[in-house]
N, C-alpha and C. Protein backbone atom coordinates (compact mmCIF):
# COMPACT_ATOMS: atom_id res chain seq x y z
N MET A 1 82.54 69.23 121.55
CA MET A 1 83.58 70.15 121.14
C MET A 1 82.97 71.27 120.30
N ASN A 2 83.37 72.49 120.59
CA ASN A 2 82.91 73.65 119.83
C ASN A 2 83.46 73.57 118.42
N LYS A 3 82.63 73.82 117.43
CA LYS A 3 83.03 73.72 116.03
C LYS A 3 84.19 74.65 115.68
N LEU A 4 84.34 75.78 116.35
CA LEU A 4 85.37 76.75 116.00
C LEU A 4 86.60 76.72 116.90
N PHE A 5 86.63 75.77 117.85
CA PHE A 5 87.72 75.78 118.81
C PHE A 5 87.92 74.38 119.37
N ASN A 6 89.14 73.87 119.29
CA ASN A 6 89.49 72.55 119.80
C ASN A 6 89.87 72.67 121.27
N ASN A 7 89.00 72.23 122.16
CA ASN A 7 89.23 72.35 123.61
C ASN A 7 90.45 71.58 124.09
N LYS A 8 90.93 70.60 123.35
CA LYS A 8 92.10 69.82 123.76
C LYS A 8 93.35 70.70 123.82
N ILE A 9 93.34 71.81 123.10
CA ILE A 9 94.49 72.73 123.10
C ILE A 9 94.70 73.32 124.50
N LEU A 10 93.64 73.44 125.29
CA LEU A 10 93.77 74.04 126.62
C LEU A 10 94.80 73.30 127.48
N ASP A 11 94.95 71.99 127.25
CA ASP A 11 95.91 71.20 128.03
C ASP A 11 97.36 71.58 127.73
N LEU A 12 97.61 72.25 126.62
CA LEU A 12 98.96 72.62 126.22
C LEU A 12 99.40 73.99 126.73
N LEU A 13 98.46 74.80 127.18
CA LEU A 13 98.75 76.20 127.48
C LEU A 13 99.67 76.36 128.68
N ILE A 14 100.41 77.48 128.67
CA ILE A 14 101.38 77.81 129.71
C ILE A 14 100.99 79.15 130.34
N LYS A 15 101.70 79.53 131.39
CA LYS A 15 101.51 80.86 131.97
C LYS A 15 102.03 81.88 130.96
N PRO A 16 101.22 82.88 130.60
CA PRO A 16 101.68 83.87 129.61
C PRO A 16 102.91 84.63 130.12
N PRO A 17 103.90 84.81 129.24
CA PRO A 17 105.10 85.55 129.65
C PRO A 17 104.83 87.05 129.74
N ALA A 18 105.58 87.71 130.59
CA ALA A 18 105.52 89.17 130.67
C ALA A 18 106.37 89.74 129.55
N PRO A 19 105.98 90.89 129.00
CA PRO A 19 106.83 91.54 127.99
C PRO A 19 108.20 91.86 128.57
N ILE A 20 109.23 91.84 127.71
CA ILE A 20 110.60 92.09 128.18
C ILE A 20 111.04 93.52 127.84
N GLY A 21 110.10 94.42 127.71
CA GLY A 21 110.41 95.80 127.41
C GLY A 21 109.19 96.67 127.60
N ASN A 22 109.26 97.87 127.08
CA ASN A 22 108.18 98.84 127.21
C ASN A 22 107.17 98.65 126.09
N PHE A 23 106.45 97.55 126.13
CA PHE A 23 105.41 97.25 125.15
C PHE A 23 104.42 96.29 125.78
N LYS A 24 103.31 96.07 125.10
CA LYS A 24 102.28 95.15 125.57
C LYS A 24 102.33 93.89 124.71
N ASN A 25 101.89 92.78 125.28
CA ASN A 25 101.82 91.54 124.52
C ASN A 25 100.83 91.63 123.36
N LEU A 26 99.83 92.48 123.52
CA LEU A 26 98.84 92.60 122.45
C LEU A 26 98.14 93.94 122.51
N GLN A 27 97.55 94.29 121.38
CA GLN A 27 96.68 95.46 121.26
C GLN A 27 95.38 94.99 120.64
N ASN A 28 94.27 95.47 121.18
CA ASN A 28 92.94 95.17 120.65
C ASN A 28 92.42 96.45 120.00
N ILE A 29 92.37 96.47 118.69
CA ILE A 29 91.86 97.63 117.95
C ILE A 29 90.58 97.19 117.24
N ASN A 30 89.44 97.58 117.80
CA ASN A 30 88.14 97.26 117.21
C ASN A 30 87.97 95.77 116.91
N GLY A 31 88.42 94.93 117.85
CA GLY A 31 88.24 93.49 117.69
C GLY A 31 89.30 92.80 116.86
N ILE A 32 90.28 93.55 116.38
CA ILE A 32 91.43 92.96 115.70
C ILE A 32 92.57 92.95 116.71
N ILE A 33 93.12 91.78 116.97
CA ILE A 33 94.16 91.61 117.99
C ILE A 33 95.52 91.55 117.30
N TYR A 34 96.40 92.46 117.66
CA TYR A 34 97.77 92.48 117.17
C TYR A 34 98.64 91.93 118.30
N LEU A 35 99.15 90.72 118.10
CA LEU A 35 99.94 90.05 119.12
C LEU A 35 101.42 90.28 118.84
N SER A 36 102.12 90.84 119.83
CA SER A 36 103.55 91.11 119.69
C SER A 36 104.31 89.81 119.43
N GLY A 37 105.51 89.96 118.86
CA GLY A 37 106.36 88.80 118.61
C GLY A 37 106.62 88.03 119.90
N GLN A 38 106.46 86.71 119.82
CA GLN A 38 106.63 85.83 120.97
C GLN A 38 107.71 84.81 120.68
N GLY A 39 108.32 84.33 121.75
CA GLY A 39 109.37 83.33 121.62
C GLY A 39 108.94 81.99 122.18
N PRO A 40 109.80 80.99 122.02
CA PRO A 40 109.48 79.63 122.46
C PRO A 40 109.97 79.36 123.89
N PHE A 41 109.12 78.72 124.66
CA PHE A 41 109.47 78.28 126.01
C PHE A 41 109.39 76.76 126.07
N ASP A 42 110.35 76.15 126.75
CA ASP A 42 110.28 74.70 126.93
C ASP A 42 109.32 74.37 128.07
N GLU A 43 109.18 73.09 128.37
CA GLU A 43 108.23 72.65 129.41
C GLU A 43 108.60 73.17 130.80
N SER A 44 109.86 73.57 130.99
CA SER A 44 110.30 74.11 132.29
C SER A 44 110.17 75.62 132.37
N GLY A 45 109.72 76.25 131.29
CA GLY A 45 109.56 77.70 131.28
C GLY A 45 110.79 78.46 130.84
N ASN A 46 111.79 77.77 130.31
CA ASN A 46 113.00 78.43 129.83
C ASN A 46 112.89 78.73 128.34
N LEU A 47 113.45 79.86 127.92
CA LEU A 47 113.49 80.17 126.50
C LEU A 47 114.32 79.14 125.75
N ILE A 48 113.87 78.77 124.57
CA ILE A 48 114.63 77.86 123.71
C ILE A 48 115.51 78.73 122.83
N ILE A 49 116.83 78.61 123.02
CA ILE A 49 117.78 79.46 122.30
C ILE A 49 118.64 78.62 121.36
N GLY A 50 119.12 79.29 120.32
CA GLY A 50 120.01 78.64 119.37
C GLY A 50 119.57 78.88 117.94
N LYS A 51 120.37 78.39 117.00
CA LYS A 51 120.12 78.58 115.57
C LYS A 51 119.60 77.30 114.94
N VAL A 52 118.57 77.46 114.12
CA VAL A 52 118.09 76.34 113.33
C VAL A 52 119.08 76.15 112.18
N GLY A 53 119.47 74.93 111.95
CA GLY A 53 120.47 74.64 110.94
C GLY A 53 121.83 74.38 111.56
N THR A 54 122.06 74.92 112.77
CA THR A 54 123.30 74.68 113.50
C THR A 54 123.02 73.89 114.77
N ASP A 55 122.17 74.45 115.64
CA ASP A 55 121.85 73.81 116.91
C ASP A 55 120.64 72.88 116.82
N PHE A 56 119.77 73.12 115.84
CA PHE A 56 118.55 72.33 115.67
C PHE A 56 118.36 71.99 114.20
N ASP A 57 117.81 70.82 113.94
CA ASP A 57 117.46 70.49 112.55
C ASP A 57 116.07 71.05 112.25
N VAL A 58 115.62 70.88 111.03
CA VAL A 58 114.36 71.47 110.59
C VAL A 58 113.18 70.90 111.38
N ASP A 59 113.20 69.61 111.70
CA ASP A 59 112.08 69.03 112.44
C ASP A 59 112.01 69.55 113.87
N LYS A 60 113.16 69.74 114.51
CA LYS A 60 113.18 70.35 115.84
C LYS A 60 112.73 71.81 115.74
N GLY A 61 113.13 72.51 114.66
CA GLY A 61 112.66 73.87 114.43
C GLY A 61 111.14 73.94 114.34
N TYR A 62 110.54 72.96 113.66
CA TYR A 62 109.08 72.87 113.56
C TYR A 62 108.47 72.77 114.96
N GLN A 63 109.04 71.92 115.81
CA GLN A 63 108.52 71.75 117.17
C GLN A 63 108.71 73.03 117.99
N ILE A 64 109.81 73.73 117.75
CA ILE A 64 110.04 75.00 118.46
C ILE A 64 109.01 76.04 118.03
N ALA A 65 108.72 76.12 116.74
CA ALA A 65 107.69 77.06 116.26
C ALA A 65 106.32 76.70 116.85
N ARG A 66 106.06 75.42 117.01
CA ARG A 66 104.82 74.99 117.67
C ARG A 66 104.79 75.51 119.11
N ARG A 67 105.92 75.48 119.79
CA ARG A 67 106.00 76.00 121.16
C ARG A 67 105.71 77.50 121.19
N VAL A 68 106.16 78.23 120.16
CA VAL A 68 105.82 79.65 120.07
C VAL A 68 104.31 79.80 119.93
N GLY A 69 103.69 78.97 119.11
CA GLY A 69 102.24 79.00 118.95
C GLY A 69 101.52 78.75 120.27
N ILE A 70 102.05 77.87 121.08
CA ILE A 70 101.46 77.62 122.40
C ILE A 70 101.55 78.87 123.26
N THR A 71 102.67 79.57 123.20
CA THR A 71 102.81 80.83 123.92
C THR A 71 101.76 81.83 123.44
N MET A 72 101.60 81.94 122.13
CA MET A 72 100.63 82.88 121.56
C MET A 72 99.21 82.55 122.02
N LEU A 73 98.84 81.28 121.93
CA LEU A 73 97.50 80.87 122.34
C LEU A 73 97.30 81.07 123.83
N SER A 74 98.35 80.90 124.61
CA SER A 74 98.25 81.11 126.07
C SER A 74 97.93 82.56 126.38
N ILE A 75 98.58 83.48 125.68
CA ILE A 75 98.30 84.91 125.88
C ILE A 75 96.86 85.23 125.48
N LEU A 76 96.44 84.75 124.32
CA LEU A 76 95.06 85.00 123.86
C LEU A 76 94.04 84.42 124.82
N HIS A 77 94.30 83.23 125.32
CA HIS A 77 93.36 82.60 126.25
C HIS A 77 93.30 83.38 127.56
N HIS A 78 94.45 83.82 128.05
CA HIS A 78 94.50 84.59 129.30
C HIS A 78 93.72 85.90 129.16
N GLU A 79 93.85 86.57 128.03
CA GLU A 79 93.20 87.87 127.83
C GLU A 79 91.72 87.78 127.47
N PHE A 80 91.36 86.78 126.66
CA PHE A 80 90.00 86.76 126.10
C PHE A 80 89.29 85.42 126.26
N GLY A 81 90.02 84.33 126.35
CA GLY A 81 89.45 82.99 126.21
C GLY A 81 89.53 82.60 124.74
N LEU A 82 90.05 81.43 124.45
CA LEU A 82 90.21 81.02 123.05
C LEU A 82 88.88 80.90 122.32
N ASP A 83 87.81 80.69 123.07
CA ASP A 83 86.48 80.59 122.43
C ASP A 83 86.01 81.93 121.86
N ARG A 84 86.69 83.03 122.21
CA ARG A 84 86.34 84.36 121.67
C ARG A 84 87.14 84.72 120.43
N ILE A 85 88.08 83.87 120.04
CA ILE A 85 88.87 84.14 118.83
C ILE A 85 88.08 83.61 117.63
N GLU A 86 87.74 84.50 116.73
CA GLU A 86 86.97 84.11 115.54
C GLU A 86 87.86 83.49 114.48
N ARG A 87 89.04 84.09 114.29
CA ARG A 87 89.93 83.55 113.26
C ARG A 87 91.35 84.08 113.42
N VAL A 88 92.27 83.33 112.84
CA VAL A 88 93.66 83.77 112.72
C VAL A 88 93.75 84.47 111.37
N ILE A 89 94.23 85.70 111.37
CA ILE A 89 94.34 86.47 110.13
C ILE A 89 95.71 86.30 109.50
N LYS A 90 96.78 86.55 110.28
CA LYS A 90 98.12 86.51 109.71
C LYS A 90 99.15 86.18 110.77
N LEU A 91 100.18 85.44 110.37
CA LEU A 91 101.35 85.18 111.20
C LEU A 91 102.59 85.68 110.47
N ASN A 92 103.50 86.28 111.20
CA ASN A 92 104.81 86.66 110.69
C ASN A 92 105.84 85.90 111.51
N GLY A 93 106.54 84.97 110.86
CA GLY A 93 107.50 84.12 111.56
C GLY A 93 108.93 84.43 111.19
N PHE A 94 109.79 84.43 112.20
CA PHE A 94 111.21 84.71 112.03
C PHE A 94 112.01 83.54 112.61
N VAL A 95 112.89 83.00 111.80
CA VAL A 95 113.70 81.86 112.20
C VAL A 95 115.15 82.30 112.35
N ASN A 96 115.71 82.10 113.53
CA ASN A 96 117.12 82.36 113.79
C ASN A 96 117.89 81.21 113.14
N ALA A 97 118.46 81.47 111.97
CA ALA A 97 119.03 80.38 111.17
C ALA A 97 120.44 80.71 110.71
N ASP A 98 121.19 79.64 110.46
CA ASP A 98 122.52 79.86 109.88
C ASP A 98 122.37 80.20 108.41
N GLU A 99 123.48 80.66 107.81
CA GLU A 99 123.42 81.19 106.44
C GLU A 99 123.09 80.14 105.39
N ASN A 100 123.22 78.87 105.70
CA ASN A 100 122.92 77.81 104.73
C ASN A 100 121.52 77.24 104.86
N PHE A 101 120.80 77.63 105.90
CA PHE A 101 119.46 77.07 106.13
C PHE A 101 118.45 77.73 105.18
N LYS A 102 117.60 76.90 104.57
CA LYS A 102 116.66 77.44 103.58
C LYS A 102 115.22 76.97 103.78
N GLU A 103 114.95 76.26 104.87
CA GLU A 103 113.62 75.67 105.06
C GLU A 103 112.78 76.42 106.09
N HIS A 104 112.88 77.74 106.06
CA HIS A 104 112.13 78.57 107.01
C HIS A 104 110.63 78.29 106.99
N PRO A 105 110.00 78.14 105.81
CA PRO A 105 108.56 77.85 105.81
C PRO A 105 108.20 76.57 106.56
N HIS A 106 109.04 75.52 106.43
CA HIS A 106 108.74 74.28 107.14
C HIS A 106 108.78 74.50 108.65
N VAL A 107 109.73 75.30 109.12
CA VAL A 107 109.81 75.59 110.56
C VAL A 107 108.54 76.30 111.01
N ILE A 108 108.15 77.36 110.34
CA ILE A 108 106.98 78.15 110.76
C ILE A 108 105.69 77.35 110.63
N ASN A 109 105.69 76.30 109.79
CA ASN A 109 104.53 75.40 109.72
C ASN A 109 104.18 74.83 111.09
N GLY A 110 105.15 74.73 111.99
CA GLY A 110 104.85 74.23 113.33
C GLY A 110 103.80 75.07 114.03
N CYS A 111 103.89 76.39 113.88
CA CYS A 111 102.89 77.29 114.46
C CYS A 111 101.61 77.29 113.62
N SER A 112 101.77 77.35 112.30
CA SER A 112 100.60 77.37 111.42
C SER A 112 99.74 76.13 111.62
N ASP A 113 100.37 74.97 111.69
CA ASP A 113 99.62 73.73 111.89
C ASP A 113 98.89 73.74 113.23
N LEU A 114 99.51 74.30 114.26
CA LEU A 114 98.86 74.40 115.57
C LEU A 114 97.61 75.28 115.50
N MET A 115 97.70 76.40 114.77
CA MET A 115 96.54 77.29 114.65
C MET A 115 95.37 76.57 113.97
N VAL A 116 95.66 75.77 112.96
CA VAL A 116 94.60 75.00 112.29
C VAL A 116 94.08 73.90 113.22
N GLU A 117 94.98 73.27 113.99
CA GLU A 117 94.56 72.26 114.96
C GLU A 117 93.62 72.88 116.00
N CYS A 118 93.90 74.11 116.38
CA CYS A 118 93.09 74.79 117.40
C CYS A 118 91.77 75.33 116.84
N PHE A 119 91.84 76.05 115.73
CA PHE A 119 90.67 76.78 115.22
C PHE A 119 90.09 76.20 113.94
N TYR A 120 90.56 75.02 113.53
CA TYR A 120 90.08 74.36 112.32
C TYR A 120 90.22 75.29 111.11
N GLU A 121 89.21 75.39 110.27
CA GLU A 121 89.32 76.20 109.05
C GLU A 121 89.53 77.68 109.37
N ASN A 122 89.12 78.14 110.54
CA ASN A 122 89.35 79.53 110.92
C ASN A 122 90.78 79.78 111.41
N GLY A 123 91.57 78.73 111.46
CA GLY A 123 92.98 78.87 111.81
C GLY A 123 93.87 79.05 110.60
N VAL A 124 93.32 78.83 109.39
CA VAL A 124 94.10 79.03 108.17
C VAL A 124 94.30 80.53 107.97
N HIS A 125 95.52 80.95 107.65
CA HIS A 125 95.88 82.36 107.69
C HIS A 125 96.86 82.69 106.57
N SER A 126 97.09 83.98 106.37
CA SER A 126 98.20 84.40 105.52
C SER A 126 99.44 84.43 106.40
N ARG A 127 100.65 84.46 105.75
CA ARG A 127 101.83 84.27 106.56
C ARG A 127 103.10 84.70 105.84
N SER A 128 104.09 85.07 106.65
CA SER A 128 105.46 85.25 106.18
C SER A 128 106.35 84.33 107.01
N ALA A 129 107.39 83.80 106.37
CA ALA A 129 108.38 82.96 107.06
C ALA A 129 109.75 83.47 106.62
N VAL A 130 110.47 84.10 107.54
CA VAL A 130 111.69 84.82 107.21
C VAL A 130 112.86 84.27 108.03
N GLY A 131 113.99 84.08 107.38
CA GLY A 131 115.21 83.71 108.08
C GLY A 131 115.98 84.95 108.47
N VAL A 132 116.49 84.97 109.69
CA VAL A 132 117.28 86.10 110.18
C VAL A 132 118.56 85.57 110.82
N TYR A 133 119.55 86.44 110.92
CA TYR A 133 120.83 86.04 111.47
C TYR A 133 120.79 85.90 112.99
N THR A 134 119.96 86.72 113.65
CA THR A 134 119.84 86.66 115.11
C THR A 134 118.47 87.15 115.54
N LEU A 135 118.04 86.73 116.72
CA LEU A 135 116.80 87.18 117.34
C LEU A 135 117.09 87.57 118.78
N PRO A 136 116.20 88.34 119.43
CA PRO A 136 116.44 88.75 120.81
C PRO A 136 116.74 87.55 121.72
N ASN A 137 117.71 87.71 122.58
CA ASN A 137 118.12 86.68 123.54
C ASN A 137 118.55 85.38 122.86
N ASN A 138 118.83 85.44 121.56
CA ASN A 138 119.24 84.28 120.77
C ASN A 138 118.15 83.21 120.69
N ILE A 139 116.86 83.63 120.82
CA ILE A 139 115.79 82.64 120.70
C ILE A 139 115.80 82.06 119.28
N ALA A 140 115.31 80.84 119.15
CA ALA A 140 115.36 80.12 117.88
C ALA A 140 114.30 80.59 116.89
N VAL A 141 113.14 80.98 117.40
CA VAL A 141 112.01 81.39 116.55
C VAL A 141 111.24 82.49 117.25
N GLU A 142 110.79 83.47 116.49
CA GLU A 142 109.87 84.50 117.00
C GLU A 142 108.73 84.62 116.01
N ILE A 143 107.50 84.70 116.54
CA ILE A 143 106.32 84.81 115.68
C ILE A 143 105.37 85.85 116.27
N GLU A 144 104.85 86.70 115.39
CA GLU A 144 103.80 87.66 115.77
C GLU A 144 102.55 87.31 114.99
N GLY A 145 101.41 87.77 115.48
CA GLY A 145 100.17 87.40 114.79
C GLY A 145 99.09 88.45 114.87
N ILE A 146 98.14 88.31 113.96
CA ILE A 146 96.93 89.14 113.93
C ILE A 146 95.74 88.20 113.99
N PHE A 147 94.82 88.47 114.91
CA PHE A 147 93.66 87.63 115.15
C PHE A 147 92.40 88.50 115.17
N LYS A 148 91.25 87.87 114.95
CA LYS A 148 89.98 88.58 114.99
C LYS A 148 89.12 88.01 116.12
N LEU A 149 88.60 88.90 116.95
CA LEU A 149 87.67 88.49 118.01
C LEU A 149 86.27 88.30 117.45
N LYS A 150 85.49 87.46 118.10
CA LYS A 150 84.07 87.30 117.77
C LYS A 150 83.31 88.50 118.24
């Protein structure tokens, strides 16, 4: 196993989704990758929709955020190969939550933990975890990221 990349993650990857508008999934600016906000897909390729706190509990929200991380890693692998990612710099996570839900950081930990599982110490990153009233297509979680290429 490569010290900077857990090859077992490859078994989790999905077909990268196409953007749903006039934008790109990512931009490469001098080896810094800006990954557009991504949503969660289930094992059948359907978007996971609903509100955390109403339709999903915090633990299910964690698993949904992990699914977003799988989408993100799938895009990076398709474009560059995960072995070319030097580190995760930052994640910005948005949780579609009801007004009483307050555990947004725990939900976004699903993606953060996956990044550390994949890239070990180079997966540790800075982060925001924000609750919002709605997200596009009523998806449960959206996460964007900044990564550095080798």
